[in-house]
Structure formats: C-alpha cells, structure tokens
Amino acid sequence: MRTLIVVAPVVVTRIKPTTGPTAGSSVITIYGNHFFKHDLLVCKLGTLDVVYATYFSASHIACLSNPTSPAGSVTLEISQNNQDFTTFGFEYIFQGKVHSFIIN
C-alpha cells in the first residue's frame, strides 16, 4: 500500500544572508511557511547541484551553499520533492575573495 502525502505549497519570505563566498559552505537560512520535514527537502542555487536542507520548523530551514566560480548572482529555490521548485527568485550573490586594506 502506498501513502500519499499532500502538503501546502512552500512560501519563502526571506533568506539570510544574501551573500557568501564562492568557496561555498555558507549556511543560508530560509524563512517562510509550510516547510515539511522529510528526506527530499532541498535547496537549489541557480544551476548548481541541489543541496539537502536542514529542517528546523515549518517556518525555518537552512542549506549550505555550493562552491562555484565565477562570482555572481543566482536565485535560491526550494523543493519539497526534489523535482518541483519554488519560483520566488530570492537573490543570493556569490562574492570572490575580498581584500581589505588599512590606510593610515
């Protein structure tokens, strides 16, 4: 016997932070509604491979950013089945190395 689970569509209200290094491994926190805890909850940054999300609550998940090159802007989307992705288009910006200088 198969079980069918019907869930409300995901709503993403904001992401934090909106920038991170091209080296990846930055934690991106996603806030919204109707997140469902299961093995197919994933994030996708632009055309990069999907990464599995960590579920905290129905309104809060997190994902690690992928490494990428070159620096630039992508959209972050969420899927609850690793097939159908949101289309909210929240922008995430990959930044190259930042050099800081102290001027006396």
C-alpha atoms as a PDB file:
ATOM      1  CA  MET A   1       0.000   0.000   0.000  1.00  0.00           C
ATOM      2  CA  ARG A   2       1.325   3.460  -0.925  1.00  0.00           C
ATOM      3  CA  THR A   3       0.877   6.551   1.187  1.00  0.00           C
ATOM      4  CA  LEU A   4       0.135   9.883  -0.440  1.00  0.00           C
ATOM      5  CA  ILE A   5       1.202  12.964   1.497  1.00  0.00           C
ATOM      6  CA  VAL A   6      -0.320  16.259   0.439  1.00  0.00           C
ATOM      7  CA  VAL A   7       1.315  19.414   1.764  1.00  0.00           C
ATOM      8  CA  ALA A   8       0.569  23.098   1.294  1.00  0.00           C
ATOM      9  CA  PRO A   9       2.824  24.916  -1.182  1.00  0.00           C
ATOM     10  CA  VAL A  10       6.017  26.333   0.298  1.00  0.00           C
ATOM     11  CA  VAL A  11       6.131  30.080   0.804  1.00  0.00           C
ATOM     12  CA  VAL A  12       9.576  31.704   1.121  1.00  0.00           C
ATOM     13  CA  THR A  13       9.534  35.120   2.795  1.00  0.00           C
ATOM     14  CA  ARG A  14      13.264  35.860   3.144  1.00  0.00           C
ATOM     15  CA  ILE A  15      16.756  34.398   3.152  1.00  0.00           C
ATOM     16  CA  LYS A  16      19.715  35.360   5.294  1.00  0.00           C
ATOM     17  CA  PRO A  17      22.473  36.086   4.442  1.00  0.00           C
ATOM     18  CA  THR A  18      22.040  37.133   0.829  1.00  0.00           C
ATOM     19  CA  THR A  19      25.763  36.967   0.018  1.00  0.00           C
ATOM     20  CA  GLY A  20      28.556  34.468   0.553  1.00  0.00           C
ATOM     21  CA  PRO A  21      31.941  33.366  -0.751  1.00  0.00           C
ATOM     22  CA  THR A  22      32.453  31.431  -3.978  1.00  0.00           C
ATOM     23  CA  ALA A  23      34.190  28.776  -1.846  1.00  0.00           C
ATOM     24  CA  GLY A  24      30.727  27.745  -0.620  1.00  0.00           C
ATOM     25  CA  SER A  25      29.851  26.123   2.726  1.00  0.00           C
ATOM     26  CA  SER A  26      27.958  29.191   3.955  1.00  0.00           C
ATOM     27  CA  VAL A  27      24.811  28.477   5.950  1.00  0.00           C
ATOM     28  CA  ILE A  28      21.818  30.111   4.259  1.00  0.00           C
ATOM     29  CA  THR A  29      18.767  30.380   6.490  1.00  0.00           C
ATOM     30  CA  ILE A  30      15.427  30.328   4.701  1.00  0.00           C
ATOM     31  CA  TYR A  31      12.296  31.676   6.378  1.00  0.00           C
ATOM     32  CA  GLY A  32       8.757  31.105   5.207  1.00  0.00           C
ATOM     33  CA  ASN A  33       5.795  28.779   5.694  1.00  0.00           C
ATOM     34  CA  HIS A  34       4.782  25.183   5.058  1.00  0.00           C
ATOM     35  CA  PHE A  35       8.207  23.525   5.165  1.00  0.00           C
ATOM     36  CA  PHE A  36       7.779  19.792   5.706  1.00  0.00           C
ATOM     37  CA  LYS A  37      10.389  17.564   7.349  1.00  0.00           C
ATOM     38  CA  HIS A  38      11.480  14.717   5.071  1.00  0.00           C
ATOM     39  CA  ASP A  39      14.405  13.436   3.000  1.00  0.00           C
ATOM     40  CA  LEU A  40      13.505  15.268  -0.223  1.00  0.00           C
ATOM     41  CA  LEU A  41      13.630  18.834   1.147  1.00  0.00           C
ATOM     42  CA  VAL A  42      16.331  20.565  -0.915  1.00  0.00           C
ATOM     43  CA  CYS A  43      17.682  23.961  -1.944  1.00  0.00           C
ATOM     44  CA  LYS A  44      18.981  24.945  -5.359  1.00  0.00           C
ATOM     45  CA  LEU A  45      21.207  27.938  -6.102  1.00  0.00           C
ATOM     46  CA  GLY A  46      20.927  28.833  -9.775  1.00  0.00           C
ATOM     47  CA  THR A  47      22.047  25.920 -11.950  1.00  0.00           C
ATOM     48  CA  LEU A  48      24.253  24.344  -9.265  1.00  0.00           C
ATOM     49  CA  ASP A  49      23.521  20.882  -7.877  1.00  0.00           C
ATOM     50  CA  VAL A  50      20.811  20.664  -5.237  1.00  0.00           C
ATOM     51  CA  VAL A  51      21.814  20.506  -1.577  1.00  0.00           C
ATOM     52  CA  TYR A  52      19.776  18.903   1.173  1.00  0.00           C
ATOM     53  CA  ALA A  53      18.080  21.248   3.601  1.00  0.00           C
ATOM     54  CA  THR A  54      18.150  21.038   7.391  1.00  0.00           C
ATOM     55  CA  TYR A  55      14.655  21.298   8.830  1.00  0.00           C
ATOM     56  CA  PHE A  56      14.182  23.372  11.990  1.00  0.00           C
ATOM     57  CA  SER A  57      10.452  24.109  11.858  1.00  0.00           C
ATOM     58  CA  ALA A  58       7.562  24.611   9.433  1.00  0.00           C
ATOM     59  CA  SER A  59       8.817  28.199   9.023  1.00  0.00           C
ATOM     60  CA  HIS A  60      12.617  27.776   9.144  1.00  0.00           C
ATOM     61  CA  ILE A  61      15.120  25.650   7.206  1.00  0.00           C
ATOM     62  CA  ALA A  62      18.797  26.042   6.276  1.00  0.00           C
ATOM     63  CA  CYS A  63      21.095  24.946   3.451  1.00  0.00           C
ATOM     64  CA  LEU A  64      24.836  25.084   2.810  1.00  0.00           C
ATOM     65  CA  SER A  65      25.888  26.984  -0.296  1.00  0.00           C
ATOM     66  CA  ASN A  66      27.715  25.101  -3.026  1.00  0.00           C
ATOM     67  CA  PRO A  67      31.178  26.161  -4.179  1.00  0.00           C
ATOM     68  CA  THR A  68      31.019  27.983  -7.512  1.00  0.00           C
ATOM     69  CA  SER A  69      33.039  30.024  -9.941  1.00  0.00           C
ATOM     70  CA  PRO A  70      32.915  32.768 -11.061  1.00  0.00           C
ATOM     71  CA  ALA A  71      31.361  35.182  -8.587  1.00  0.00           C
ATOM     72  CA  GLY A  72      27.864  36.397  -9.407  1.00  0.00           C
ATOM     73  CA  SER A  73      24.185  36.420  -8.648  1.00  0.00           C
ATOM     74  CA  VAL A  74      21.902  33.357  -8.633  1.00  0.00           C
ATOM     75  CA  THR A  75      18.394  32.637  -7.413  1.00  0.00           C
ATOM     76  CA  LEU A  76      17.671  30.362  -4.479  1.00  0.00           C
ATOM     77  CA  GLU A  77      14.705  27.999  -4.802  1.00  0.00           C
ATOM     78  CA  ILE A  78      13.282  25.269  -2.570  1.00  0.00           C
ATOM     79  CA  SER A  79      11.745  21.888  -3.362  1.00  0.00           C
ATOM     80  CA  GLN A  80       9.882  19.520  -1.051  1.00  0.00           C
ATOM     81  CA  ASN A  81      10.141  16.621  -3.504  1.00  0.00           C
ATOM     82  CA  ASN A  82      13.466  17.322  -5.303  1.00  0.00           C
ATOM     83  CA  GLN A  83      11.508  17.861  -8.527  1.00  0.00           C
ATOM     84  CA  ASP A  84       9.168  20.841  -8.282  1.00  0.00           C
ATOM     85  CA  PHE A  85      10.932  24.042  -7.217  1.00  0.00           C
ATOM     86  CA  THR A  86       9.591  27.337  -5.953  1.00  0.00           C
ATOM     87  CA  THR A  87       9.829  30.336  -8.250  1.00  0.00           C
ATOM     88  CA  PHE A  88      10.172  33.145  -5.714  1.00  0.00           C
ATOM     89  CA  GLY A  89      13.546  34.187  -7.141  1.00  0.00           C
ATOM     90  CA  PHE A  90      15.333  35.250  -3.954  1.00  0.00           C
ATOM     91  CA  GLU A  91      18.759  36.542  -5.000  1.00  0.00           C
ATOM     92  CA  TYR A  92      21.952  35.118  -3.483  1.00  0.00           C
ATOM     93  CA  ILE A  93      25.267  36.690  -4.503  1.00  0.00           C
ATOM     94  CA  PHE A  94      28.494  34.693  -4.605  1.00  0.00           C
ATOM     95  CA  GLN A  95      31.424  37.010  -3.919  1.00  0.00           C
ATOM     96  CA  GLY A  96      35.029  36.411  -4.882  1.00  0.00           C
ATOM     97  CA  LYS A  97      37.868  36.968  -2.463  1.00  0.00           C
ATOM     98  CA  VAL A  98      37.567  40.257  -0.679  1.00  0.00           C
ATOM     99  CA  HIS A  99      40.835  42.028   0.062  1.00  0.00           C
ATOM    100  CA  SER A 100      40.846  44.639   2.779  1.00  0.00           C
ATOM    101  CA  PHE A 101      43.378  47.357   3.257  1.00  0.00           C
ATOM    102  CA  ILE A 102      44.032  49.612   6.198  1.00  0.00           C
ATOM    103  CA  ILE A 103      45.001  53.141   5.201  1.00  0.00           C
ATOM    104  CA  ASN A 104      46.802  55.198   7.804  1.00  0.00           C
END
